[in-house]
Amino acid sequence: MILRKEYGFEAAHFIHNHPGKCKNLHGHSYKLFVSLEGPVHPETGMIIDFDDLSKVVVEKVIQRLDHHFLNDLIPLSTAENISVWIWEQLKPALPELCQVEVFETADNCVIYRGA
């Protein structure tokens, strides 16, 4: 079974080598979807409690990215590199992690499923 939860964060960045307007400082209202895959535990009826998942995601990702300058953590802060960074923060604490989706805008998204 796959469990998926949505999060959001606001952040600024620029892409220094971009040929267009993204080379300038700008911000996005990011959407993040975190997916875990695993069995439903018979004693709880869940893969993981949504509150337990949120504690990890908020501590390891949202608190570090929300209302921050992404280039300080991810120098080439493309949606692709942001998704890899998020994966690397979450995977050690969430071994069931199977996918992260990062929406930079409502219609621009990358999906990362690990290396």
Foldseek 3Di string as FASTA:
>chain_A
DKDKDKDWAKEWEAACPDPDDSNDIDIFTKMKMWMFDDDQDPVVRHPDPPVVVCVQLCVQPRVVGHHYYCCVPQVRDDLVSSQVSSCVSCCVVGVRTQWMWMDRYPPDIDIDGDD
